[in-house]
Amino acid sequence: MPPLPRGSFPGGTTRANHLIYRGLDFGGMRARSGHFIFDRKVRFVNLEPVYRELFSLFLEESGQTRDDPEFMEIILEENLRDLRKDRKPEGFNREGTMRLIFPISDRVEFYIYSRTKGLEVPRVAEALSQFLRKNRLKHDIAWDNLLLFAEEK
């Protein structure tokens, strides 16, 4: 699919000054956070079979692979244990360039977050979205939907 012109998001809808759209090229867009909101039929336990690969993809794409694989395996296993029990996992909420967080919510969702608004969040979000679509996990993406930064818009 060729890149879309900046600001062009066919099929997307605007809600409260953030865009939600499915599986499109992000074409040079800048964002501080990308929120993955799953279909109501998706439960946390549905993420368990793909989470190991999703987590690794997130770390690779965000440039956060570490020299200590044992530490990362512990974080991954804690998350997988929660998913197997159909509970919200922690994600990856450590100091670094980007975080993957499962917020307290009444639906299955997670977001990736960077301290600065840039091209990296949309690029990493696109990679994760393609992976999720490949694994038939229906989701939407909302941009810059953190309440903390709502007044900066």
C-alpha atoms as a PDB file:
ATOM      1  CA  MET A   1       0.000   0.000   0.000  1.00  0.00           C
ATOM      2  CA  PRO A   2       1.521   3.394  -0.947  1.00  0.00           C
ATOM      3  CA  PRO A   3       1.907   5.950   1.860  1.00  0.00           C
ATOM      4  CA  LEU A   4      -1.017   8.298   2.387  1.00  0.00           C
ATOM      5  CA  PRO A   5      -0.569  12.045   2.080  1.00  0.00           C
ATOM      6  CA  ARG A   6      -0.035  13.690   5.453  1.00  0.00           C
ATOM      7  CA  GLY A   7      -3.370  14.282   7.191  1.00  0.00           C
ATOM      8  CA  SER A   8      -5.260  11.890   4.900  1.00  0.00           C
ATOM      9  CA  PHE A   9      -6.919   8.965   6.664  1.00  0.00           C
ATOM     10  CA  PRO A  10      -9.639   7.395   4.499  1.00  0.00           C
ATOM     11  CA  GLY A  11     -12.051   5.275   6.466  1.00  0.00           C
ATOM     12  CA  GLY A  12     -11.068   6.956   9.752  1.00  0.00           C
ATOM     13  CA  THR A  13     -13.306   8.852  12.101  1.00  0.00           C
ATOM     14  CA  THR A  14     -12.508  11.852  14.260  1.00  0.00           C
ATOM     15  CA  ARG A  15     -13.536  11.815  17.891  1.00  0.00           C
ATOM     16  CA  ALA A  16     -12.448  14.453  20.412  1.00  0.00           C
ATOM     17  CA  ASN A  17      -9.513  15.657  18.279  1.00  0.00           C
ATOM     18  CA  HIS A  18      -7.873  12.251  17.868  1.00  0.00           C
ATOM     19  CA  LEU A  19      -8.079   9.916  14.918  1.00  0.00           C
ATOM     20  CA  ILE A  20      -9.186   6.320  14.992  1.00  0.00           C
ATOM     21  CA  TYR A  21      -8.566   4.190  11.958  1.00  0.00           C
ATOM     22  CA  ARG A  22      -7.882   0.606  10.992  1.00  0.00           C
ATOM     23  CA  GLY A  23      -4.786  -0.782   9.336  1.00  0.00           C
ATOM     24  CA  LEU A  24      -3.646   2.198   7.297  1.00  0.00           C
ATOM     25  CA  ASP A  25      -0.202   3.564   6.487  1.00  0.00           C
ATOM     26  CA  PHE A  26       0.474   6.464   8.864  1.00  0.00           C
ATOM     27  CA  GLY A  27       2.273   8.600   6.253  1.00  0.00           C
ATOM     28  CA  GLY A  28       4.615  10.829   8.298  1.00  0.00           C
ATOM     29  CA  MET A  29       2.225  11.446  11.184  1.00  0.00           C
ATOM     30  CA  ARG A  30       3.691  12.459  14.573  1.00  0.00           C
ATOM     31  CA  ALA A  31       2.257  11.125  17.835  1.00  0.00           C
ATOM     32  CA  ARG A  32       3.221  10.689  21.465  1.00  0.00           C
ATOM     33  CA  SER A  33       0.981   7.648  22.054  1.00  0.00           C
ATOM     34  CA  GLY A  34      -0.862   5.017  20.055  1.00  0.00           C
ATOM     35  CA  HIS A  35      -3.777   3.219  21.732  1.00  0.00           C
ATOM     36  CA  PHE A  36      -4.774  -0.261  20.555  1.00  0.00           C
ATOM     37  CA  ILE A  37      -8.446  -0.814  21.346  1.00  0.00           C
ATOM     38  CA  PHE A  38      -9.584  -4.359  20.691  1.00  0.00           C
ATOM     39  CA  ASP A  39     -12.977  -5.551  19.514  1.00  0.00           C
ATOM     40  CA  ARG A  40     -15.407  -6.270  22.388  1.00  0.00           C
ATOM     41  CA  LYS A  41     -15.139 -10.014  21.650  1.00  0.00           C
ATOM     42  CA  VAL A  42     -11.391 -10.038  22.404  1.00  0.00           C
ATOM     43  CA  ARG A  43     -10.416 -10.986  25.962  1.00  0.00           C
ATOM     44  CA  PHE A  44      -6.970 -10.878  27.556  1.00  0.00           C
ATOM     45  CA  VAL A  45      -6.673 -14.647  27.270  1.00  0.00           C
ATOM     46  CA  ASN A  46      -6.954 -14.253  23.464  1.00  0.00           C
ATOM     47  CA  LEU A  47      -3.674 -12.300  23.473  1.00  0.00           C
ATOM     48  CA  GLU A  48      -1.724 -15.052  25.242  1.00  0.00           C
ATOM     49  CA  PRO A  49      -0.846 -17.172  22.150  1.00  0.00           C
ATOM     50  CA  VAL A  50       0.681 -14.169  20.328  1.00  0.00           C
ATOM     51  CA  TYR A  51       1.988 -12.096  23.228  1.00  0.00           C
ATOM     52  CA  ARG A  52       5.554 -13.472  23.265  1.00  0.00           C
ATOM     53  CA  GLU A  53       6.032 -12.463  19.631  1.00  0.00           C
ATOM     54  CA  LEU A  54       4.174  -9.147  20.107  1.00  0.00           C
ATOM     55  CA  PHE A  55       6.390  -8.259  23.081  1.00  0.00           C
ATOM     56  CA  SER A  56       9.576  -9.145  21.160  1.00  0.00           C
ATOM     57  CA  LEU A  57       8.403  -7.136  18.147  1.00  0.00           C
ATOM     58  CA  PHE A  58       7.711  -4.124  20.375  1.00  0.00           C
ATOM     59  CA  LEU A  59      11.189  -4.312  21.930  1.00  0.00           C
ATOM     60  CA  GLU A  60      12.882  -4.743  18.550  1.00  0.00           C
ATOM     61  CA  GLU A  61      10.957  -1.975  16.791  1.00  0.00           C
ATOM     62  CA  SER A  62      11.459   0.462  19.669  1.00  0.00           C
ATOM     63  CA  GLY A  63      15.181  -0.370  19.952  1.00  0.00           C
ATOM     64  CA  GLN A  64      14.927  -1.655  23.510  1.00  0.00           C
ATOM     65  CA  THR A  65      16.450  -5.121  23.273  1.00  0.00           C
ATOM     66  CA  ARG A  66      18.643  -5.476  26.320  1.00  0.00           C
ATOM     67  CA  ASP A  67      21.825  -7.312  27.183  1.00  0.00           C
ATOM     68  CA  ASP A  68      20.054  -9.059  30.068  1.00  0.00           C
ATOM     69  CA  PRO A  69      17.714 -11.606  28.449  1.00  0.00           C
ATOM     70  CA  GLU A  70      16.870 -13.125  31.865  1.00  0.00           C
ATOM     71  CA  PHE A  71      15.343  -9.826  33.026  1.00  0.00           C
ATOM     72  CA  MET A  72      13.214  -9.581  29.884  1.00  0.00           C
ATOM     73  CA  GLU A  73      12.129 -13.213  30.216  1.00  0.00           C
ATOM     74  CA  ILE A  74      10.914 -12.526  33.781  1.00  0.00           C
ATOM     75  CA  ILE A  75       8.826  -9.546  32.605  1.00  0.00           C
ATOM     76  CA  LEU A  76       7.463 -11.596  29.710  1.00  0.00           C
ATOM     77  CA  GLU A  77       6.534 -14.558  31.929  1.00  0.00           C
ATOM     78  CA  GLU A  78       4.743 -12.290  34.424  1.00  0.00           C
ATOM     79  CA  ASN A  79       2.686 -10.846  31.571  1.00  0.00           C
ATOM     80  CA  LEU A  80       1.935 -14.289  30.108  1.00  0.00           C
ATOM     81  CA  ARG A  81       0.831 -15.574  33.524  1.00  0.00           C
ATOM     82  CA  ASP A  82      -1.704 -12.732  33.782  1.00  0.00           C
ATOM     83  CA  LEU A  83      -2.954 -13.298  30.235  1.00  0.00           C
ATOM     84  CA  ARG A  84      -3.448 -17.035  30.839  1.00  0.00           C
ATOM     85  CA  LYS A  85      -5.676 -16.121  33.790  1.00  0.00           C
ATOM     86  CA  ASP A  86      -7.544 -13.590  31.614  1.00  0.00           C
ATOM     87  CA  ARG A  87      -6.186 -10.670  33.667  1.00  0.00           C
ATOM     88  CA  LYS A  88      -4.701  -7.346  32.595  1.00  0.00           C
ATOM     89  CA  PRO A  89      -0.895  -7.643  32.342  1.00  0.00           C
ATOM     90  CA  GLU A  90       1.600  -4.904  33.199  1.00  0.00           C
ATOM     91  CA  GLY A  91       3.194  -4.669  29.755  1.00  0.00           C
ATOM     92  CA  PHE A  92       6.595  -2.965  29.613  1.00  0.00           C
ATOM     93  CA  ASN A  93       6.621   0.061  31.914  1.00  0.00           C
ATOM     94  CA  ARG A  94      10.358   0.622  32.351  1.00  0.00           C
ATOM     95  CA  GLU A  95      12.650   3.562  31.663  1.00  0.00           C
ATOM     96  CA  GLY A  96      13.453   3.655  27.988  1.00  0.00           C
ATOM     97  CA  THR A  97      12.522   5.229  24.707  1.00  0.00           C
ATOM     98  CA  MET A  98       9.023   3.759  24.649  1.00  0.00           C
ATOM     99  CA  ARG A  99       6.590   1.964  26.959  1.00  0.00           C
ATOM    100  CA  LEU A 100       3.853  -0.602  26.321  1.00  0.00           C
ATOM    101  CA  ILE A 101       1.118  -0.231  28.944  1.00  0.00           C
ATOM    102  CA  PHE A 102      -2.198  -1.991  29.586  1.00  0.00           C
ATOM    103  CA  PRO A 103      -4.338   0.660  31.327  1.00  0.00           C
ATOM    104  CA  ILE A 104      -7.048  -0.053  33.873  1.00  0.00           C
ATOM    105  CA  SER A 105     -10.114  -0.204  31.658  1.00  0.00           C
ATOM    106  CA  ASP A 106     -13.393  -2.037  31.109  1.00  0.00           C
ATOM    107  CA  ARG A 107     -12.134  -3.264  27.723  1.00  0.00           C
ATOM    108  CA  VAL A 108      -9.052  -4.990  26.349  1.00  0.00           C
ATOM    109  CA  GLU A 109      -6.582  -2.351  25.229  1.00  0.00           C
ATOM    110  CA  PHE A 110      -2.978  -1.272  25.470  1.00  0.00           C
ATOM    111  CA  TYR A 111      -0.999   1.740  24.386  1.00  0.00           C
ATOM    112  CA  ILE A 112       2.554   2.531  23.420  1.00  0.00           C
ATOM    113  CA  TYR A 113       3.932   5.800  24.723  1.00  0.00           C
ATOM    114  CA  SER A 114       6.991   7.960  24.160  1.00  0.00           C
ATOM    115  CA  ARG A 115       7.934  11.081  26.103  1.00  0.00           C
ATOM    116  CA  THR A 116       8.289  13.064  22.886  1.00  0.00           C
ATOM    117  CA  LYS A 117       5.957  13.501  19.952  1.00  0.00           C
ATOM    118  CA  GLY A 118       7.609  12.027  16.886  1.00  0.00           C
ATOM    119  CA  LEU A 119       7.529   9.560  14.024  1.00  0.00           C
ATOM    120  CA  GLU A 120       8.612   6.567  16.115  1.00  0.00           C
ATOM    121  CA  VAL A 121       5.291   5.879  17.856  1.00  0.00           C
ATOM    122  CA  PRO A 122       3.311   5.666  14.577  1.00  0.00           C
ATOM    123  CA  ARG A 123       6.060   3.512  13.002  1.00  0.00           C
ATOM    124  CA  VAL A 124       6.114   1.049  15.907  1.00  0.00           C
ATOM    125  CA  ALA A 125       2.296   1.121  16.109  1.00  0.00           C
ATOM    126  CA  GLU A 126       2.081   0.239  12.418  1.00  0.00           C
ATOM    127  CA  ALA A 127       4.364  -2.772  12.906  1.00  0.00           C
ATOM    128  CA  LEU A 128       2.340  -3.980  15.913  1.00  0.00           C
ATOM    129  CA  SER A 129      -0.948  -3.382  14.081  1.00  0.00           C
ATOM    130  CA  GLN A 130       0.188  -5.432  11.083  1.00  0.00           C
ATOM    131  CA  PHE A 131       1.197  -8.253  13.432  1.00  0.00           C
ATOM    132  CA  LEU A 132      -2.169  -8.149  15.237  1.00  0.00           C
ATOM    133  CA  ARG A 133      -4.106  -8.117  11.961  1.00  0.00           C
ATOM    134  CA  LYS A 134      -2.048 -11.053  10.694  1.00  0.00           C
ATOM    135  CA  ASN A 135      -3.126 -12.909  13.835  1.00  0.00           C
ATOM    136  CA  ARG A 136      -6.779 -11.900  13.337  1.00  0.00           C
ATOM    137  CA  LEU A 137      -7.089  -9.724  16.427  1.00  0.00           C
ATOM    138  CA  LYS A 138      -9.506  -6.935  15.454  1.00  0.00           C
ATOM    139  CA  HIS A 139      -8.516  -3.551  16.814  1.00  0.00           C
ATOM    140  CA  ASP A 140      -8.676   0.188  16.258  1.00  0.00           C
ATOM    141  CA  ILE A 141      -5.900   2.675  16.929  1.00  0.00           C
ATOM    142  CA  ALA A 142      -6.432   6.049  18.616  1.00  0.00           C
ATOM    143  CA  TRP A 143      -3.658   8.641  18.698  1.00  0.00           C
ATOM    144  CA  ASP A 144      -2.565  10.884  21.568  1.00  0.00           C
ATOM    145  CA  ASN A 145      -5.456   9.870  23.777  1.00  0.00           C
ATOM    146  CA  LEU A 146      -3.709  10.260  27.156  1.00  0.00           C
ATOM    147  CA  LEU A 147      -5.554  12.558  29.564  1.00  0.00           C
ATOM    148  CA  LEU A 148      -2.243  13.830  30.924  1.00  0.00           C
ATOM    149  CA  PHE A 149      -1.491  15.528  27.605  1.00  0.00           C
ATOM    150  CA  ALA A 150      -5.053  16.458  26.581  1.00  0.00           C
ATOM    151  CA  GLU A 151      -4.555  20.157  27.281  1.00  0.00           C
ATOM    152  CA  GLU A 152      -1.434  20.332  25.099  1.00  0.00           C
ATOM    153  CA  LYS A 153      -3.497  19.816  21.906  1.00  0.00           C
END
